Amino acid sequence: MRYTKAIQQKIFHLDELKAIRAGWKMRNKTVAFTNGCFDILHEGHISSLSKAAEAADYLIVGVNSDASTKRLKGNDRPVNNEHSRALILASLIMVDAVIIFEEDTPLQLIEALMPDVLVKGGDYTIETIVGAKEVMANGGKVLINPIIDGFSTTGILQKIRQLG
């Protein structure tokens, strides 16, 4: 049986997610957190999200808002709006919760949710991962997943432009 109504229910506002996170913590469950624009989902994203999910009992994914994505990636982005990107992520089996954030970095989310594991892709170092210092100071760990060569939203968009 498919529970498609549950997909939308995996997208939260911060107050709701903080309460859920507190419940998980009371049950001694671990939480991993990762974030990104996730504009056009590809194999690299699936690999990174899968590895992030393996690192804890629950996985929370922070998604940059449309305005934040535009500031970070340029005026022609995002291709997909924030609701679409959040819904696609929420439909993935390895994702337990999705939250959209307006800021350019997820620092406020990380401080509010204080995950046990903070996960980013291999194009980062511990020194450049926003929230790494805070998570480690709280006894958590930081996981850097390797990048799968040949998969990027920018690359996909370049290929589409060449075909057009």
Protein backbone atom coordinates (compact mmCIF):
# COMPACT_ATOMS: atom_id res chain seq x y z
CA MET A 1 0.00 0.00 0.00
CA ARG A 2 1.23 3.47 -0.84
CA TYR A 3 0.84 6.34 1.59
CA THR A 4 1.26 9.29 -0.76
CA LYS A 5 -0.45 11.67 1.68
CA ALA A 6 2.48 11.08 4.03
CA ILE A 7 4.87 12.76 1.57
CA GLN A 8 3.49 16.27 2.13
CA GLN A 9 3.46 15.57 5.88
CA LYS A 10 7.26 15.25 5.86
CA ILE A 11 7.64 18.99 5.07
CA PHE A 12 7.79 21.03 8.28
CA HIS A 13 8.03 24.52 9.70
CA LEU A 14 10.76 25.08 12.29
CA ASP A 15 8.55 25.00 15.40
CA GLU A 16 7.01 21.67 14.33
CA LEU A 17 10.39 20.18 13.50
CA LYS A 18 11.93 21.29 16.79
CA ALA A 19 9.17 19.44 18.66
CA ILE A 20 9.66 16.31 16.56
CA ARG A 21 13.44 16.52 17.06
CA ALA A 22 12.91 16.77 20.82
CA GLY A 23 10.79 13.62 20.73
CA TRP A 24 13.45 11.75 18.79
CA LYS A 25 16.07 12.88 21.29
CA MET A 26 13.95 11.70 24.24
CA ARG A 27 13.83 8.26 22.60
CA ASN A 28 17.64 8.30 22.17
CA LYS A 29 17.37 8.44 18.38
CA THR A 30 20.13 10.13 16.39
CA VAL A 31 19.54 12.79 13.75
CA ALA A 32 21.58 13.63 10.68
CA PHE A 33 21.17 16.95 8.88
CA THR A 34 22.19 17.99 5.41
CA ASN A 35 21.21 20.89 3.21
CA GLY A 36 21.35 22.29 -0.26
CA CYS A 37 19.39 23.78 -3.14
CA PHE A 38 18.58 20.37 -4.70
CA ASP A 39 17.43 22.22 -7.82
CA ILE A 40 17.53 19.28 -10.22
CA LEU A 41 17.82 16.03 -8.29
CA HIS A 42 20.47 13.68 -9.72
CA GLU A 43 22.45 10.57 -8.86
CA GLY A 44 25.00 12.52 -6.83
CA HIS A 45 22.23 13.86 -4.59
CA ILE A 46 20.74 10.39 -4.12
CA SER A 47 24.13 8.97 -3.16
CA SER A 48 24.85 11.75 -0.68
CA LEU A 49 21.36 11.58 0.87
CA SER A 50 21.61 7.80 1.19
CA LYS A 51 24.95 8.04 2.98
CA ALA A 52 23.60 10.80 5.22
CA ALA A 53 20.61 8.62 6.14
CA GLU A 54 22.93 5.73 7.05
CA ALA A 55 24.72 7.96 9.57
CA ALA A 56 21.75 8.33 11.96
CA ASP A 57 18.28 7.08 12.82
CA TYR A 58 16.59 10.06 11.11
CA LEU A 59 17.57 12.40 8.29
CA ILE A 60 16.48 16.04 8.10
CA VAL A 61 17.09 17.90 4.84
CA GLY A 62 17.23 21.69 4.74
CA VAL A 63 16.30 23.18 1.36
CA ASN A 64 17.31 26.68 0.31
CA SER A 65 14.28 28.84 -0.49
CA ASP A 66 13.81 30.23 -4.00
CA ALA A 67 15.20 33.62 -2.93
CA SER A 68 18.19 32.03 -1.20
CA THR A 69 18.91 29.80 -4.22
CA LYS A 70 18.76 32.81 -6.53
CA ARG A 71 21.25 34.70 -4.34
CA LEU A 72 23.62 31.73 -4.24
CA LYS A 73 23.29 30.38 -7.79
CA GLY A 74 22.29 33.37 -9.92
CA ASN A 75 19.20 34.89 -11.50
CA ASP A 76 18.42 31.87 -13.70
CA ARG A 77 18.00 29.60 -10.68
CA PRO A 78 16.21 27.82 -9.23
CA VAL A 79 14.77 25.84 -12.11
CA ASN A 80 12.24 24.17 -9.78
CA ASN A 81 10.45 26.18 -7.10
CA GLU A 82 11.02 25.54 -3.39
CA HIS A 83 7.76 23.64 -2.90
CA SER A 84 8.57 21.28 -5.80
CA ARG A 85 12.09 20.69 -4.53
CA ALA A 86 10.85 20.03 -0.97
CA LEU A 87 8.12 17.68 -2.22
CA ILE A 88 10.55 15.66 -4.34
CA LEU A 89 12.94 15.32 -1.39
CA ALA A 90 10.07 14.37 0.94
CA SER A 91 9.10 11.60 -1.45
CA LEU A 92 12.47 9.88 -1.01
CA ILE A 93 12.45 6.90 1.32
CA MET A 94 15.69 7.90 3.07
CA VAL A 95 14.42 11.40 4.00
CA ASP A 96 12.43 11.74 7.22
CA ALA A 97 11.88 15.49 7.31
CA VAL A 98 12.31 18.47 4.99
CA ILE A 99 12.43 22.13 5.92
CA ILE A 100 12.80 25.17 3.65
CA PHE A 101 15.02 27.97 4.93
CA GLU A 102 15.31 31.57 3.73
CA GLU A 103 18.86 32.36 4.84
CA ASP A 104 21.89 31.78 2.63
CA THR A 105 23.28 29.28 5.15
CA PRO A 106 21.50 26.80 7.44
CA LEU A 107 23.28 27.98 10.59
CA GLN A 108 20.07 29.04 12.36
CA LEU A 109 18.46 25.68 11.53
CA ILE A 110 21.49 23.75 12.72
CA GLU A 111 21.60 25.69 15.99
CA ALA A 112 17.86 25.17 16.52
CA LEU A 113 17.84 21.45 15.67
CA MET A 114 21.36 20.54 16.82
CA PRO A 115 21.81 17.33 14.82
CA ASP A 116 24.03 14.52 15.98
CA VAL A 117 25.60 14.30 12.52
CA LEU A 118 26.09 17.13 10.04
CA VAL A 119 26.58 15.91 6.47
CA LYS A 120 27.90 17.74 3.41
CA GLY A 121 29.41 16.81 0.05
CA GLY A 122 33.09 16.33 -0.70
CA ASP A 123 33.54 19.81 -2.13
CA TYR A 124 33.61 21.07 1.48
CA THR A 125 36.12 20.79 4.31
CA ILE A 126 35.27 20.78 8.01
CA GLU A 127 36.54 24.37 8.18
CA THR A 128 34.12 25.51 5.45
CA ILE A 129 31.00 23.62 6.59
CA VAL A 130 28.54 26.00 8.19
CA GLY A 131 27.53 24.68 11.62
CA ALA A 132 30.38 22.17 11.92
CA LYS A 133 31.94 23.99 14.86
CA GLU A 134 28.60 24.15 16.70
CA VAL A 135 27.71 20.48 16.09
CA MET A 136 31.15 19.25 17.19
CA ALA A 137 31.07 21.48 20.28
CA ASN A 138 27.78 19.78 21.18
CA GLY A 139 29.37 16.31 20.88
CA GLY A 140 28.18 15.63 17.36
CA LYS A 141 30.20 14.71 14.30
CA VAL A 142 30.63 15.97 10.76
CA LEU A 143 30.55 13.63 7.77
CA ILE A 144 31.85 14.63 4.34
CA ASN A 145 30.50 12.45 1.54
CA PRO A 146 32.56 12.00 -1.61
CA ILE A 147 31.30 13.70 -4.76
CA ILE A 148 30.32 11.44 -7.63
CA ASP A 149 32.08 12.82 -10.69
CA GLY A 150 29.92 13.82 -13.62
CA PHE A 151 26.80 14.72 -11.66
CA SER A 152 25.90 18.33 -10.96
CA THR A 153 22.89 20.55 -11.55
CA THR A 154 25.14 23.07 -13.31
CA GLY A 155 26.40 20.33 -15.64
CA ILE A 156 22.86 19.17 -16.41
CA LEU A 157 21.79 22.72 -17.22
CA GLN A 158 24.81 23.21 -19.50
CA LYS A 159 23.95 20.01 -21.36
CA ILE A 160 20.32 21.13 -21.77
CA ARG A 161 21.48 24.48 -23.18
CA GLN A 162 23.75 22.68 -25.69
CA LEU A 163 20.83 20.54 -26.86
CA GLY A 164 18.57 23.56 -27.31
